[in-house]
Amino acid sequence: MAFVPSAVLRRGSPAEIVQGFLEWSARVRAGAPKVVGHTQSGDAEVVARGFRHWKNAETGRWNPPRYSLRRQAQLVRAAFATGQLDVLPSFKKRDQFVARLAEQPKHEVFCGIPVPSSIPWLEAHKDAAEALRIAKKEHTRGPYAGRPVKRMFKGHRVDREARLRRERVKENMARMDETVREWREERRAERAKTKRASIL
């Protein structure tokens, strides 16, 4: 069975957005004389009710536009994508879009690669020497070159003090026998002080 394309448009597609606008504007044009009392043409009514706040003649209340600014921009993009930009009436977002299109540069026809009048000849050994000089300069400077000392990254305190701590531990371990002997003597002296004297 062969695939038969249907006339149903995908929801939210540019064609569906433009089609929805065209159907709505046709309904507004058909009812324009009844609403406004022959003061505006159909297109003016579409613009007035579709893209600007409008005052209801019967109730005297202001109504929001049918299309918000975001939806107006979406409608203009959809009309441009489907090639129906001329179907839309003139309103602010459409006029801005058309002006932006007019400002875009026109593409030129490719006529070949232009040949420069003078080609600078490069010398390989000079280029290599310059590249080596730049590499050495970047390498010797380091990532913190040119920064004031106060603004330098200090690192973590544990990392900064690790070397001093290792030296201190090494010295303490070297004097450990002496420290243990002193501690034992002090403990013996403490016990001797607190020992009760025998009554007998």
C-alpha atoms as a PDB file:
ATOM      1  CA  MET A   1       0.000   0.000   0.000  1.00  0.00           C
ATOM      2  CA  ALA A   2       1.461   3.332  -1.021  1.00  0.00           C
ATOM      3  CA  PHE A   3       1.819   6.277   1.334  1.00  0.00           C
ATOM      4  CA  VAL A   4      -0.737   8.978   0.697  1.00  0.00           C
ATOM      5  CA  PRO A   5       0.253  12.415   2.050  1.00  0.00           C
ATOM      6  CA  SER A   6      -2.514  14.037   4.050  1.00  0.00           C
ATOM      7  CA  ALA A   7      -3.426  17.692   4.193  1.00  0.00           C
ATOM      8  CA  VAL A   8      -3.092  17.697   7.990  1.00  0.00           C
ATOM      9  CA  LEU A   9      -0.282  20.028   9.016  1.00  0.00           C
ATOM     10  CA  ARG A  10       2.099  19.188  11.817  1.00  0.00           C
ATOM     11  CA  ARG A  11       1.184  21.072  14.990  1.00  0.00           C
ATOM     12  CA  GLY A  12       3.463  24.089  15.518  1.00  0.00           C
ATOM     13  CA  SER A  13       5.056  23.866  12.080  1.00  0.00           C
ATOM     14  CA  PRO A  14       5.615  27.124  10.171  1.00  0.00           C
ATOM     15  CA  ALA A  15       2.959  26.181   7.623  1.00  0.00           C
ATOM     16  CA  GLU A  16       0.435  25.452  10.394  1.00  0.00           C
ATOM     17  CA  ILE A  17       1.152  28.788  12.108  1.00  0.00           C
ATOM     18  CA  VAL A  18       0.667  30.765   8.886  1.00  0.00           C
ATOM     19  CA  GLN A  19      -2.449  28.774   7.992  1.00  0.00           C
ATOM     20  CA  GLY A  20      -3.947  29.522  11.421  1.00  0.00           C
ATOM     21  CA  PHE A  21      -3.301  33.232  10.939  1.00  0.00           C
ATOM     22  CA  LEU A  22      -4.850  33.242   7.461  1.00  0.00           C
ATOM     23  CA  GLU A  23      -7.995  31.499   8.715  1.00  0.00           C
ATOM     24  CA  TRP A  24      -8.325  33.905  11.661  1.00  0.00           C
ATOM     25  CA  SER A  25      -7.738  36.993   9.497  1.00  0.00           C
ATOM     26  CA  ALA A  26     -10.385  35.786   7.000  1.00  0.00           C
ATOM     27  CA  ARG A  27     -12.910  35.532   9.841  1.00  0.00           C
ATOM     28  CA  VAL A  28     -11.993  39.040  11.061  1.00  0.00           C
ATOM     29  CA  ARG A  29     -12.284  40.514   7.561  1.00  0.00           C
ATOM     30  CA  ALA A  30     -15.691  38.901   7.125  1.00  0.00           C
ATOM     31  CA  GLY A  31     -16.998  40.394  10.370  1.00  0.00           C
ATOM     32  CA  ALA A  32     -15.183  43.747  10.195  1.00  0.00           C
ATOM     33  CA  PRO A  33     -18.119  45.983   9.191  1.00  0.00           C
ATOM     34  CA  LYS A  34     -20.288  44.600  12.000  1.00  0.00           C
ATOM     35  CA  VAL A  35     -17.688  45.222  14.705  1.00  0.00           C
ATOM     36  CA  VAL A  36     -16.323  48.631  13.805  1.00  0.00           C
ATOM     37  CA  GLY A  37     -19.193  50.162  11.923  1.00  0.00           C
ATOM     38  CA  HIS A  38     -17.532  50.631   8.508  1.00  0.00           C
ATOM     39  CA  THR A  39     -14.807  52.901   9.908  1.00  0.00           C
ATOM     40  CA  GLN A  40     -11.891  50.588   9.062  1.00  0.00           C
ATOM     41  CA  SER A  41     -11.050  48.308   6.172  1.00  0.00           C
ATOM     42  CA  GLY A  42     -10.582  44.575   6.664  1.00  0.00           C
ATOM     43  CA  ASP A  43      -6.758  44.737   6.678  1.00  0.00           C
ATOM     44  CA  ALA A  44      -6.730  47.620   9.139  1.00  0.00           C
ATOM     45  CA  GLU A  45      -9.069  45.641  11.384  1.00  0.00           C
ATOM     46  CA  VAL A  46      -6.782  42.598  11.229  1.00  0.00           C
ATOM     47  CA  VAL A  47      -3.800  44.745  12.217  1.00  0.00           C
ATOM     48  CA  ALA A  48      -5.766  46.548  14.922  1.00  0.00           C
ATOM     49  CA  ARG A  49      -7.126  43.392  16.524  1.00  0.00           C
ATOM     50  CA  GLY A  50      -4.280  41.016  15.754  1.00  0.00           C
ATOM     51  CA  PHE A  51      -1.190  42.982  16.706  1.00  0.00           C
ATOM     52  CA  ARG A  52      -2.223  45.899  18.948  1.00  0.00           C
ATOM     53  CA  HIS A  53      -4.462  46.456  21.962  1.00  0.00           C
ATOM     54  CA  TRP A  54      -7.892  47.424  20.695  1.00  0.00           C
ATOM     55  CA  LYS A  55     -10.971  48.996  22.220  1.00  0.00           C
ATOM     56  CA  ASN A  56     -14.291  47.232  21.859  1.00  0.00           C
ATOM     57  CA  ALA A  57     -16.850  49.706  20.467  1.00  0.00           C
ATOM     58  CA  GLU A  58     -19.771  48.060  22.270  1.00  0.00           C
ATOM     59  CA  THR A  59     -18.318  47.561  25.755  1.00  0.00           C
ATOM     60  CA  GLY A  60     -15.690  50.318  25.745  1.00  0.00           C
ATOM     61  CA  ARG A  61     -13.096  47.904  27.173  1.00  0.00           C
ATOM     62  CA  TRP A  62      -9.548  47.402  25.947  1.00  0.00           C
ATOM     63  CA  ASN A  63      -8.680  43.927  24.704  1.00  0.00           C
ATOM     64  CA  PRO A  64      -5.237  42.391  24.291  1.00  0.00           C
ATOM     65  CA  PRO A  65      -3.990  41.643  20.782  1.00  0.00           C
ATOM     66  CA  ARG A  66      -4.624  38.214  19.322  1.00  0.00           C
ATOM     67  CA  TYR A  67      -0.861  37.687  18.871  1.00  0.00           C
ATOM     68  CA  SER A  68       1.622  38.638  21.606  1.00  0.00           C
ATOM     69  CA  LEU A  69       4.979  40.130  20.560  1.00  0.00           C
ATOM     70  CA  ARG A  70       6.656  36.749  20.897  1.00  0.00           C
ATOM     71  CA  ARG A  71       3.982  35.067  18.771  1.00  0.00           C
ATOM     72  CA  GLN A  72       4.144  37.930  16.257  1.00  0.00           C
ATOM     73  CA  ALA A  73       7.863  37.286  15.797  1.00  0.00           C
ATOM     74  CA  GLN A  74       7.158  33.556  15.516  1.00  0.00           C
ATOM     75  CA  LEU A  75       4.487  34.246  12.883  1.00  0.00           C
ATOM     76  CA  VAL A  76       6.870  36.413  10.834  1.00  0.00           C
ATOM     77  CA  ARG A  77       9.600  33.754  10.960  1.00  0.00           C
ATOM     78  CA  ALA A  78       7.080  31.081   9.939  1.00  0.00           C
ATOM     79  CA  ALA A  79       5.821  33.195   7.031  1.00  0.00           C
ATOM     80  CA  PHE A  80       9.408  33.780   5.880  1.00  0.00           C
ATOM     81  CA  ALA A  81      10.205  30.064   6.151  1.00  0.00           C
ATOM     82  CA  THR A  82       7.195  29.136   4.022  1.00  0.00           C
ATOM     83  CA  GLY A  83       7.713  31.979   1.522  1.00  0.00           C
ATOM     84  CA  GLN A  84       4.478  33.764   2.467  1.00  0.00           C
ATOM     85  CA  LEU A  85       5.889  36.950   3.979  1.00  0.00           C
ATOM     86  CA  ASP A  86       3.916  39.096   1.531  1.00  0.00           C
ATOM     87  CA  VAL A  87       0.639  37.572   2.822  1.00  0.00           C
ATOM     88  CA  LEU A  88       1.064  39.267   6.213  1.00  0.00           C
ATOM     89  CA  PRO A  89      -0.213  42.830   6.655  1.00  0.00           C
ATOM     90  CA  SER A  90       2.203  45.557   7.703  1.00  0.00           C
ATOM     91  CA  PHE A  91       2.874  45.611  11.461  1.00  0.00           C
ATOM     92  CA  LYS A  92       5.860  46.374  13.686  1.00  0.00           C
ATOM     93  CA  LYS A  93       7.515  42.927  13.877  1.00  0.00           C
ATOM     94  CA  ARG A  94       7.059  42.274  10.159  1.00  0.00           C
ATOM     95  CA  ASP A  95       8.482  45.676   9.227  1.00  0.00           C
ATOM     96  CA  GLN A  96      11.494  45.133  11.511  1.00  0.00           C
ATOM     97  CA  PHE A  97      12.104  41.715   9.957  1.00  0.00           C
ATOM     98  CA  VAL A  98      11.866  43.086   6.408  1.00  0.00           C
ATOM     99  CA  ALA A  99      14.264  45.928   7.309  1.00  0.00           C
ATOM    100  CA  ARG A 100      16.731  43.398   8.742  1.00  0.00           C
ATOM    101  CA  LEU A 101      16.508  41.346   5.557  1.00  0.00           C
ATOM    102  CA  ALA A 102      17.172  44.450   3.458  1.00  0.00           C
ATOM    103  CA  GLU A 103      20.270  45.296   5.532  1.00  0.00           C
ATOM    104  CA  GLN A 104      21.853  41.885   4.994  1.00  0.00           C
ATOM    105  CA  PRO A 105      24.649  41.947   2.431  1.00  0.00           C
ATOM    106  CA  LYS A 106      23.906  40.435  -0.946  1.00  0.00           C
ATOM    107  CA  HIS A 107      26.030  37.445  -1.887  1.00  0.00           C
ATOM    108  CA  GLU A 108      28.503  38.003  -4.682  1.00  0.00           C
ATOM    109  CA  VAL A 109      29.123  35.560  -7.497  1.00  0.00           C
ATOM    110  CA  PHE A 110      32.358  33.573  -7.148  1.00  0.00           C
ATOM    111  CA  CYS A 111      34.723  34.655  -9.908  1.00  0.00           C
ATOM    112  CA  GLY A 112      37.824  32.775  -8.836  1.00  0.00           C
ATOM    113  CA  ILE A 113      40.555  33.185  -6.259  1.00  0.00           C
ATOM    114  CA  PRO A 114      42.151  36.645  -6.351  1.00  0.00           C
ATOM    115  CA  VAL A 115      45.891  36.600  -6.971  1.00  0.00           C
ATOM    116  CA  PRO A 116      47.837  38.973  -4.723  1.00  0.00           C
ATOM    117  CA  SER A 117      50.259  41.316  -6.443  1.00  0.00           C
ATOM    118  CA  SER A 118      53.194  40.394  -4.227  1.00  0.00           C
ATOM    119  CA  ILE A 119      53.649  37.168  -2.275  1.00  0.00           C
ATOM    120  CA  PRO A 120      55.876  37.542   0.795  1.00  0.00           C
ATOM    121  CA  TRP A 121      58.459  34.783   0.704  1.00  0.00           C
ATOM    122  CA  LEU A 122      58.906  32.990   3.990  1.00  0.00           C
ATOM    123  CA  GLU A 123      62.225  31.739   5.288  1.00  0.00           C
ATOM    124  CA  ALA A 124      61.929  28.457   7.175  1.00  0.00           C
ATOM    125  CA  HIS A 125      64.872  28.923   9.546  1.00  0.00           C
ATOM    126  CA  LYS A 126      63.653  32.401  10.613  1.00  0.00           C
ATOM    127  CA  ASP A 127      60.152  31.083  11.260  1.00  0.00           C
ATOM    128  CA  ALA A 128      61.507  28.172  13.290  1.00  0.00           C
ATOM    129  CA  ALA A 129      63.746  30.489  15.333  1.00  0.00           C
ATOM    130  CA  GLU A 130      60.833  32.844  16.051  1.00  0.00           C
ATOM    131  CA  ALA A 131      58.595  29.940  17.102  1.00  0.00           C
ATOM    132  CA  LEU A 132      61.320  28.619  19.417  1.00  0.00           C
ATOM    133  CA  ARG A 133      61.832  32.078  20.949  1.00  0.00           C
ATOM    134  CA  ILE A 134      58.114  32.454  21.674  1.00  0.00           C
ATOM    135  CA  ALA A 135      57.912  28.948  23.149  1.00  0.00           C
ATOM    136  CA  LYS A 136      60.886  29.586  25.463  1.00  0.00           C
ATOM    137  CA  LYS A 137      59.488  32.932  26.557  1.00  0.00           C
ATOM    138  CA  GLU A 138      56.111  31.411  27.419  1.00  0.00           C
ATOM    139  CA  HIS A 139      57.737  28.464  29.192  1.00  0.00           C
ATOM    140  CA  THR A 140      60.044  30.544  31.386  1.00  0.00           C
ATOM    141  CA  ARG A 141      57.405  33.057  32.345  1.00  0.00           C
ATOM    142  CA  GLY A 142      54.978  30.555  33.834  1.00  0.00           C
ATOM    143  CA  PRO A 143      51.277  31.000  34.479  1.00  0.00           C
ATOM    144  CA  TYR A 144      51.653  33.534  37.317  1.00  0.00           C
ATOM    145  CA  ALA A 145      54.219  35.825  35.682  1.00  0.00           C
ATOM    146  CA  GLY A 146      53.503  39.511  36.068  1.00  0.00           C
ATOM    147  CA  ARG A 147      51.107  39.099  38.974  1.00  0.00           C
ATOM    148  CA  PRO A 148      51.754  40.840  42.277  1.00  0.00           C
ATOM    149  CA  VAL A 149      52.838  38.532  45.083  1.00  0.00           C
ATOM    150  CA  LYS A 150      49.747  39.319  47.168  1.00  0.00           C
ATOM    151  CA  ARG A 151      47.476  38.203  44.320  1.00  0.00           C
ATOM    152  CA  MET A 152      49.277  34.897  43.765  1.00  0.00           C
ATOM    153  CA  PHE A 153      47.458  31.654  44.437  1.00  0.00           C
ATOM    154  CA  LYS A 154      48.524  30.662  47.923  1.00  0.00           C
ATOM    155  CA  GLY A 155      47.460  27.037  47.770  1.00  0.00           C
ATOM    156  CA  HIS A 156      46.029  25.124  50.708  1.00  0.00           C
ATOM    157  CA  ARG A 157      47.490  25.598  54.149  1.00  0.00           C
ATOM    158  CA  VAL A 158      48.160  21.859  54.567  1.00  0.00           C
ATOM    159  CA  ASP A 159      50.151  21.825  51.345  1.00  0.00           C
ATOM    160  CA  ARG A 160      52.074  24.988  52.231  1.00  0.00           C
ATOM    161  CA  GLU A 161      53.072  23.681  55.670  1.00  0.00           C
ATOM    162  CA  ALA A 162      53.712  20.060  54.657  1.00  0.00           C
ATOM    163  CA  ARG A 163      57.482  20.509  54.207  1.00  0.00           C
ATOM    164  CA  LEU A 164      57.939  22.193  57.601  1.00  0.00           C
ATOM    165  CA  ARG A 165      55.795  19.520  59.246  1.00  0.00           C
ATOM    166  CA  ARG A 166      57.889  16.707  57.712  1.00  0.00           C
ATOM    167  CA  GLU A 167      61.088  18.364  58.988  1.00  0.00           C
ATOM    168  CA  ARG A 168      59.580  18.756  62.464  1.00  0.00           C
ATOM    169  CA  VAL A 169      58.511  15.085  62.536  1.00  0.00           C
ATOM    170  CA  LYS A 170      61.973  14.009  61.388  1.00  0.00           C
ATOM    171  CA  GLU A 171      63.646  16.012  64.174  1.00  0.00           C
ATOM    172  CA  ASN A 172      61.234  14.642  66.776  1.00  0.00           C
ATOM    173  CA  MET A 173      61.842  11.057  65.639  1.00  0.00           C
ATOM    174  CA  ALA A 174      65.609  11.618  65.884  1.00  0.00           C
ATOM    175  CA  ARG A 175      65.203  12.760  69.532  1.00  0.00           C
ATOM    176  CA  MET A 176      62.602  10.095  70.393  1.00  0.00           C
ATOM    177  CA  ASP A 177      64.829   7.951  72.677  1.00  0.00           C
ATOM    178  CA  GLU A 178      65.814  11.005  74.718  1.00  0.00           C
ATOM    179  CA  THR A 179      62.180  12.211  74.891  1.00  0.00           C
ATOM    180  CA  VAL A 180      60.955   8.794  76.099  1.00  0.00           C
ATOM    181  CA  ARG A 181      63.675   8.657  78.789  1.00  0.00           C
ATOM    182  CA  GLU A 182      62.771  12.175  80.032  1.00  0.00           C
ATOM    183  CA  TRP A 183      59.082  11.315  80.095  1.00  0.00           C
ATOM    184  CA  ARG A 184      59.715   8.121  82.133  1.00  0.00           C
ATOM    185  CA  GLU A 185      61.857  10.011  84.640  1.00  0.00           C
ATOM    186  CA  GLU A 186      59.146  12.659  85.065  1.00  0.00           C
ATOM    187  CA  ARG A 187      56.489   9.970  85.608  1.00  0.00           C
ATOM    188  CA  ARG A 188      58.653   8.233  88.237  1.00  0.00           C
ATOM    189  CA  ALA A 189      59.172  11.557  90.032  1.00  0.00           C
ATOM    190  CA  GLU A 190      55.400  12.259  89.942  1.00  0.00           C
ATOM    191  CA  ARG A 191      54.619   8.831  91.393  1.00  0.00           C
ATOM    192  CA  ALA A 192      57.241   9.213  94.070  1.00  0.00           C
ATOM    193  CA  LYS A 193      55.674  12.521  95.172  1.00  0.00           C
ATOM    194  CA  THR A 194      52.176  11.148  95.384  1.00  0.00           C
ATOM    195  CA  LYS A 195      53.175   7.865  97.063  1.00  0.00           C
ATOM    196  CA  ARG A 196      51.953   7.709 100.657  1.00  0.00           C
ATOM    197  CA  ALA A 197      54.534   7.387 103.290  1.00  0.00           C
ATOM    198  CA  SER A 198      54.212   4.184 105.242  1.00  0.00           C
ATOM    199  CA  ILE A 199      53.020   4.697 108.834  1.00  0.00           C
ATOM    200  CA  LEU A 200      55.016   1.791 110.179  1.00  0.00           C
END
